[in-house]
């Protein structure tokens, strides 16, 4: 399984979770459970990308579409992951369904949507163009195994983008 396809499938699932929240807006119990699952999924997804996708992008990528370099793409992605996690954590401190909770969830959704569109346009394009399919498949299997291991619980550690890039270039 190509890691690019794995990431795109995860993106579709994230969009579905956010849509489910809108559909369950009158049921705080469902909102809390679905968002807790979404938060865990977002954290495991970000960590899987940071372990298996971005290190290879930094080594092989050159930048694609409106990104000047793989380092620029990666810096922005790590920063996005941090902002998504911060918004999700803030939502977890609020009562599901409350105005404060929706404010945090909406911020998480906005940050995530921004990240998905940039990653699909920049990082994934660069990866498809420059990383051989055999490597993408190997990374995809590692990515899937990591996510499977952490399906029910994962707490990602926030990363400083410049330090991450220095350590993985």
C-alpha atoms as a PDB file:
ATOM      1  CA  UNK A   1       0.000   0.000   0.000  1.00  0.00           C
ATOM      2  CA  UNK A   2       1.502   3.300  -1.136  1.00  0.00           C
ATOM      3  CA  UNK A   3       1.942   5.717   1.793  1.00  0.00           C
ATOM      4  CA  UNK A   4       0.424   8.475  -0.338  1.00  0.00           C
ATOM      5  CA  UNK A   5      -2.771   6.420  -0.640  1.00  0.00           C
ATOM      6  CA  UNK A   6      -2.712   5.717   3.110  1.00  0.00           C
ATOM      7  CA  UNK A   7      -2.490   9.430   3.893  1.00  0.00           C
ATOM      8  CA  UNK A   8      -5.264  10.306   1.440  1.00  0.00           C
ATOM      9  CA  UNK A   9      -7.513   7.643   2.982  1.00  0.00           C
ATOM     10  CA  UNK A  10      -6.813   9.088   6.437  1.00  0.00           C
ATOM     11  CA  UNK A  11      -7.697  12.555   5.169  1.00  0.00           C
ATOM     12  CA  UNK A  12     -11.056  11.296   3.919  1.00  0.00           C
ATOM     13  CA  UNK A  13     -11.706   9.665   7.286  1.00  0.00           C
ATOM     14  CA  UNK A  14     -10.870  12.896   9.129  1.00  0.00           C
ATOM     15  CA  UNK A  15     -13.349  14.797   6.967  1.00  0.00           C
ATOM     16  CA  UNK A  16     -15.977  12.159   7.757  1.00  0.00           C
ATOM     17  CA  UNK A  17     -15.427  12.515  11.501  1.00  0.00           C
ATOM     18  CA  UNK A  18     -15.847  16.292  11.346  1.00  0.00           C
ATOM     19  CA  UNK A  19     -19.040  15.839   9.293  1.00  0.00           C
ATOM     20  CA  UNK A  20     -20.335  13.314  11.841  1.00  0.00           C
ATOM     21  CA  UNK A  21     -19.920  15.920  14.579  1.00  0.00           C
ATOM     22  CA  UNK A  22     -22.186  18.274  12.670  1.00  0.00           C
ATOM     23  CA  UNK A  23     -24.757  15.510  12.232  1.00  0.00           C
ATOM     24  CA  UNK A  24     -24.689  14.634  15.953  1.00  0.00           C
ATOM     25  CA  UNK A  25     -24.865  18.233  17.144  1.00  0.00           C
ATOM     26  CA  UNK A  26     -27.835  17.593  19.482  1.00  0.00           C
ATOM     27  CA  UNK A  27     -26.310  14.611  21.293  1.00  0.00           C
ATOM     28  CA  UNK A  28     -23.487  15.621  23.688  1.00  0.00           C
ATOM     29  CA  UNK A  29     -22.685  11.992  24.537  1.00  0.00           C
ATOM     30  CA  UNK A  30     -22.136  11.084  20.882  1.00  0.00           C
ATOM     31  CA  UNK A  31     -20.215  14.331  20.300  1.00  0.00           C
ATOM     32  CA  UNK A  32     -17.822  13.580  23.139  1.00  0.00           C
ATOM     33  CA  UNK A  33     -17.187  10.006  22.021  1.00  0.00           C
ATOM     34  CA  UNK A  34     -16.760  10.824  18.337  1.00  0.00           C
ATOM     35  CA  UNK A  35     -14.472  13.769  19.049  1.00  0.00           C
ATOM     36  CA  UNK A  36     -12.322  11.734  21.465  1.00  0.00           C
ATOM     37  CA  UNK A  37     -11.888   9.140  18.710  1.00  0.00           C
ATOM     38  CA  UNK A  38     -11.136  11.849  16.149  1.00  0.00           C
ATOM     39  CA  UNK A  39      -8.557  13.465  18.439  1.00  0.00           C
ATOM     40  CA  UNK A  40      -6.736  10.159  18.880  1.00  0.00           C
ATOM     41  CA  UNK A  41      -6.894   9.498  15.147  1.00  0.00           C
ATOM     42  CA  UNK A  42      -5.462  12.963  14.373  1.00  0.00           C
ATOM     43  CA  UNK A  43      -2.584  12.458  16.825  1.00  0.00           C
ATOM     44  CA  UNK A  44      -1.676   8.967  15.581  1.00  0.00           C
ATOM     45  CA  UNK A  45      -1.960  10.159  11.970  1.00  0.00           C
ATOM     46  CA  UNK A  46       0.336  13.144  12.579  1.00  0.00           C
ATOM     47  CA  UNK A  47       2.912  10.981  14.353  1.00  0.00           C
ATOM     48  CA  UNK A  48       2.817   8.373  11.583  1.00  0.00           C
ATOM     49  CA  UNK A  49       3.444  11.094   8.996  1.00  0.00           C
ATOM     50  CA  UNK A  50       6.289  12.492  11.094  1.00  0.00           C
ATOM     51  CA  UNK A  51       7.920   9.064  11.398  1.00  0.00           C
ATOM     52  CA  UNK A  52       7.445   7.680   7.902  1.00  0.00           C
ATOM     53  CA  UNK A  53       6.511  10.405   5.417  1.00  0.00           C
ATOM     54  CA  UNK A  54       8.258  13.653   6.237  1.00  0.00           C
ATOM     55  CA  UNK A  55      11.785  12.269   6.840  1.00  0.00           C
ATOM     56  CA  UNK A  56      11.777  10.794   3.326  1.00  0.00           C
ATOM     57  CA  UNK A  57      10.245  13.957   1.880  1.00  0.00           C
ATOM     58  CA  UNK A  58      13.063  15.995   3.431  1.00  0.00           C
ATOM     59  CA  UNK A  59      15.681  13.748   1.835  1.00  0.00           C
ATOM     60  CA  UNK A  60      14.117  13.280  -1.606  1.00  0.00           C
ATOM     61  CA  UNK A  61      11.713  16.164  -2.112  1.00  0.00           C
ATOM     62  CA  UNK A  62      12.370  19.453  -3.861  1.00  0.00           C
ATOM     63  CA  UNK A  63       9.108  21.308  -3.289  1.00  0.00           C
ATOM     64  CA  UNK A  64       6.028  21.101  -5.471  1.00  0.00           C
ATOM     65  CA  UNK A  65       3.338  23.443  -6.737  1.00  0.00           C
ATOM     66  CA  UNK A  66       3.361  26.509  -4.461  1.00  0.00           C
ATOM     67  CA  UNK A  67       6.066  25.241  -2.063  1.00  0.00           C
ATOM     68  CA  UNK A  68       9.670  26.245  -2.682  1.00  0.00           C
ATOM     69  CA  UNK A  69      11.239  23.265  -0.901  1.00  0.00           C
ATOM     70  CA  UNK A  70      10.584  20.075   1.004  1.00  0.00           C
ATOM     71  CA  UNK A  71      11.880  21.813   4.127  1.00  0.00           C
ATOM     72  CA  UNK A  72       9.290  24.587   3.728  1.00  0.00           C
ATOM     73  CA  UNK A  73       6.534  22.004   3.244  1.00  0.00           C
ATOM     74  CA  UNK A  74       7.689  20.059   6.298  1.00  0.00           C
ATOM     75  CA  UNK A  75       8.075  23.123   8.514  1.00  0.00           C
ATOM     76  CA  UNK A  76       4.521  24.158   7.736  1.00  0.00           C
ATOM     77  CA  UNK A  77       3.170  20.635   8.275  1.00  0.00           C
ATOM     78  CA  UNK A  78       4.798  20.181  11.696  1.00  0.00           C
ATOM     79  CA  UNK A  79       3.486  23.587  12.757  1.00  0.00           C
ATOM     80  CA  UNK A  80       0.023  22.593  11.497  1.00  0.00           C
ATOM     81  CA  UNK A  81       0.149  19.312  13.447  1.00  0.00           C
ATOM     82  CA  UNK A  82       0.945  21.277  16.605  1.00  0.00           C
ATOM     83  CA  UNK A  83      -1.922  23.731  16.047  1.00  0.00           C
ATOM     84  CA  UNK A  84      -4.397  20.921  15.330  1.00  0.00           C
ATOM     85  CA  UNK A  85      -3.345  19.138  18.528  1.00  0.00           C
ATOM     86  CA  UNK A  86      -3.630  22.325  20.592  1.00  0.00           C
ATOM     87  CA  UNK A  87      -7.171  22.979  19.325  1.00  0.00           C
ATOM     88  CA  UNK A  88      -8.175  19.357  19.973  1.00  0.00           C
ATOM     89  CA  UNK A  89      -6.764  19.496  23.512  1.00  0.00           C
ATOM     90  CA  UNK A  90      -8.702  22.696  24.152  1.00  0.00           C
ATOM     91  CA  UNK A  91     -11.923  20.992  23.000  1.00  0.00           C
ATOM     92  CA  UNK A  92     -11.302  18.088  25.377  1.00  0.00           C
ATOM     93  CA  UNK A  93     -11.343  20.544  28.297  1.00  0.00           C
ATOM     94  CA  UNK A  94     -14.832  21.788  27.380  1.00  0.00           C
ATOM     95  CA  UNK A  95     -18.280  20.212  27.734  1.00  0.00           C
ATOM     96  CA  UNK A  96     -19.203  18.486  24.447  1.00  0.00           C
ATOM     97  CA  UNK A  97     -21.871  20.451  22.624  1.00  0.00           C
ATOM     98  CA  UNK A  98     -21.274  23.704  24.512  1.00  0.00           C
ATOM     99  CA  UNK A  99     -20.515  26.923  22.658  1.00  0.00           C
ATOM    100  CA  UNK A 100     -16.938  26.842  23.993  1.00  0.00           C
ATOM    101  CA  UNK A 101     -16.528  23.247  22.803  1.00  0.00           C
ATOM    102  CA  UNK A 102     -17.809  24.074  19.308  1.00  0.00           C
ATOM    103  CA  UNK A 103     -15.438  27.049  19.128  1.00  0.00           C
ATOM    104  CA  UNK A 104     -12.501  24.710  19.816  1.00  0.00           C
ATOM    105  CA  UNK A 105     -13.789  22.000  17.459  1.00  0.00           C
ATOM    106  CA  UNK A 106     -14.299  24.559  14.689  1.00  0.00           C
ATOM    107  CA  UNK A 107     -10.751  25.834  15.184  1.00  0.00           C
ATOM    108  CA  UNK A 108      -9.457  22.259  15.026  1.00  0.00           C
ATOM    109  CA  UNK A 109     -11.452  21.652  11.839  1.00  0.00           C
ATOM    110  CA  UNK A 110     -10.184  24.874  10.235  1.00  0.00           C
ATOM    111  CA  UNK A 111      -6.547  24.074  11.073  1.00  0.00           C
ATOM    112  CA  UNK A 112      -6.953  20.509   9.879  1.00  0.00           C
ATOM    113  CA  UNK A 113      -8.664  21.502   6.625  1.00  0.00           C
ATOM    114  CA  UNK A 114      -5.892  23.996   5.871  1.00  0.00           C
ATOM    115  CA  UNK A 115      -3.285  21.333   6.558  1.00  0.00           C
ATOM    116  CA  UNK A 116      -4.970  18.678   4.413  1.00  0.00           C
ATOM    117  CA  UNK A 117      -5.253  20.918   1.376  1.00  0.00           C
ATOM    118  CA  UNK A 118      -1.632  22.080   1.624  1.00  0.00           C
ATOM    119  CA  UNK A 119      -0.302  18.574   2.214  1.00  0.00           C
ATOM    120  CA  UNK A 120      -2.269  17.124  -0.682  1.00  0.00           C
ATOM    121  CA  UNK A 121      -1.174  19.897  -3.022  1.00  0.00           C
ATOM    122  CA  UNK A 122       2.462  20.185  -1.921  1.00  0.00           C
ATOM    123  CA  UNK A 123       3.901  17.254   0.053  1.00  0.00           C
ATOM    124  CA  UNK A 124       2.016  14.405  -1.560  1.00  0.00           C
ATOM    125  CA  UNK A 125       2.634  15.786  -5.042  1.00  0.00           C
ATOM    126  CA  UNK A 126       6.365  16.149  -4.329  1.00  0.00           C
ATOM    127  CA  UNK A 127       6.451  12.615  -2.896  1.00  0.00           C
ATOM    128  CA  UNK A 128       4.714  11.010  -5.887  1.00  0.00           C
ATOM    129  CA  UNK A 129       7.081  12.802  -8.274  1.00  0.00           C
ATOM    130  CA  UNK A 130      10.333  11.985  -6.490  1.00  0.00           C
ATOM    131  CA  UNK A 131      10.006   8.858  -4.364  1.00  0.00           C
ATOM    132  CA  UNK A 132       9.956   5.489  -6.162  1.00  0.00           C
ATOM    133  CA  UNK A 133       6.808   3.384  -5.795  1.00  0.00           C
ATOM    134  CA  UNK A 134       8.733   0.548  -4.111  1.00  0.00           C
ATOM    135  CA  UNK A 135       9.834   2.938  -1.346  1.00  0.00           C
ATOM    136  CA  UNK A 136       6.324   4.394  -1.034  1.00  0.00           C
ATOM    137  CA  UNK A 137       4.873   0.895  -0.564  1.00  0.00           C
ATOM    138  CA  UNK A 138       7.465  -0.039   2.083  1.00  0.00           C
ATOM    139  CA  UNK A 139       6.731   3.194   3.971  1.00  0.00           C
ATOM    140  CA  UNK A 140       2.993   2.667   3.578  1.00  0.00           C
ATOM    141  CA  UNK A 141       3.161  -0.691   5.318  1.00  0.00           C
ATOM    142  CA  UNK A 142       5.165   0.790   8.197  1.00  0.00           C
ATOM    143  CA  UNK A 143       2.696   3.661   8.400  1.00  0.00           C
ATOM    144  CA  UNK A 144      -0.305   1.307   8.544  1.00  0.00           C
ATOM    145  CA  UNK A 145       1.344  -0.876  11.185  1.00  0.00           C
ATOM    146  CA  UNK A 146       2.032   2.165  13.370  1.00  0.00           C
ATOM    147  CA  UNK A 147      -1.546   3.397  13.090  1.00  0.00           C
ATOM    148  CA  UNK A 148      -2.923  -0.082  13.819  1.00  0.00           C
ATOM    149  CA  UNK A 149      -0.797  -0.329  16.959  1.00  0.00           C
ATOM    150  CA  UNK A 150      -2.108   3.034  18.184  1.00  0.00           C
ATOM    151  CA  UNK A 151      -5.700   2.742  16.985  1.00  0.00           C
ATOM    152  CA  UNK A 152      -7.258   3.258  20.408  1.00  0.00           C
ATOM    153  CA  UNK A 153      -4.867   5.606  22.156  1.00  0.00           C
ATOM    154  CA  UNK A 154      -1.972   7.848  21.206  1.00  0.00           C
ATOM    155  CA  UNK A 155      -0.598  11.063  22.652  1.00  0.00           C
ATOM    156  CA  UNK A 156       1.718  12.795  20.198  1.00  0.00           C
ATOM    157  CA  UNK A 157       4.484  14.985  21.574  1.00  0.00           C
ATOM    158  CA  UNK A 158       4.541  18.472  20.089  1.00  0.00           C
ATOM    159  CA  UNK A 159       7.605  19.100  17.940  1.00  0.00           C
ATOM    160  CA  UNK A 160       9.559  22.236  17.173  1.00  0.00           C
ATOM    161  CA  UNK A 161       9.643  22.437  13.340  1.00  0.00           C
ATOM    162  CA  UNK A 162      13.257  23.625  12.929  1.00  0.00           C
ATOM    163  CA  UNK A 163      14.608  20.960  15.325  1.00  0.00           C
ATOM    164  CA  UNK A 164      12.548  18.282  13.565  1.00  0.00           C
ATOM    165  CA  UNK A 165      13.897  19.314  10.155  1.00  0.00           C
ATOM    166  CA  UNK A 166      17.486  19.398  11.440  1.00  0.00           C
ATOM    167  CA  UNK A 167      17.121  15.923  12.956  1.00  0.00           C
ATOM    168  CA  UNK A 168      15.507  14.405   9.851  1.00  0.00           C
ATOM    169  CA  UNK A 169      17.318  16.031   6.924  1.00  0.00           C
END
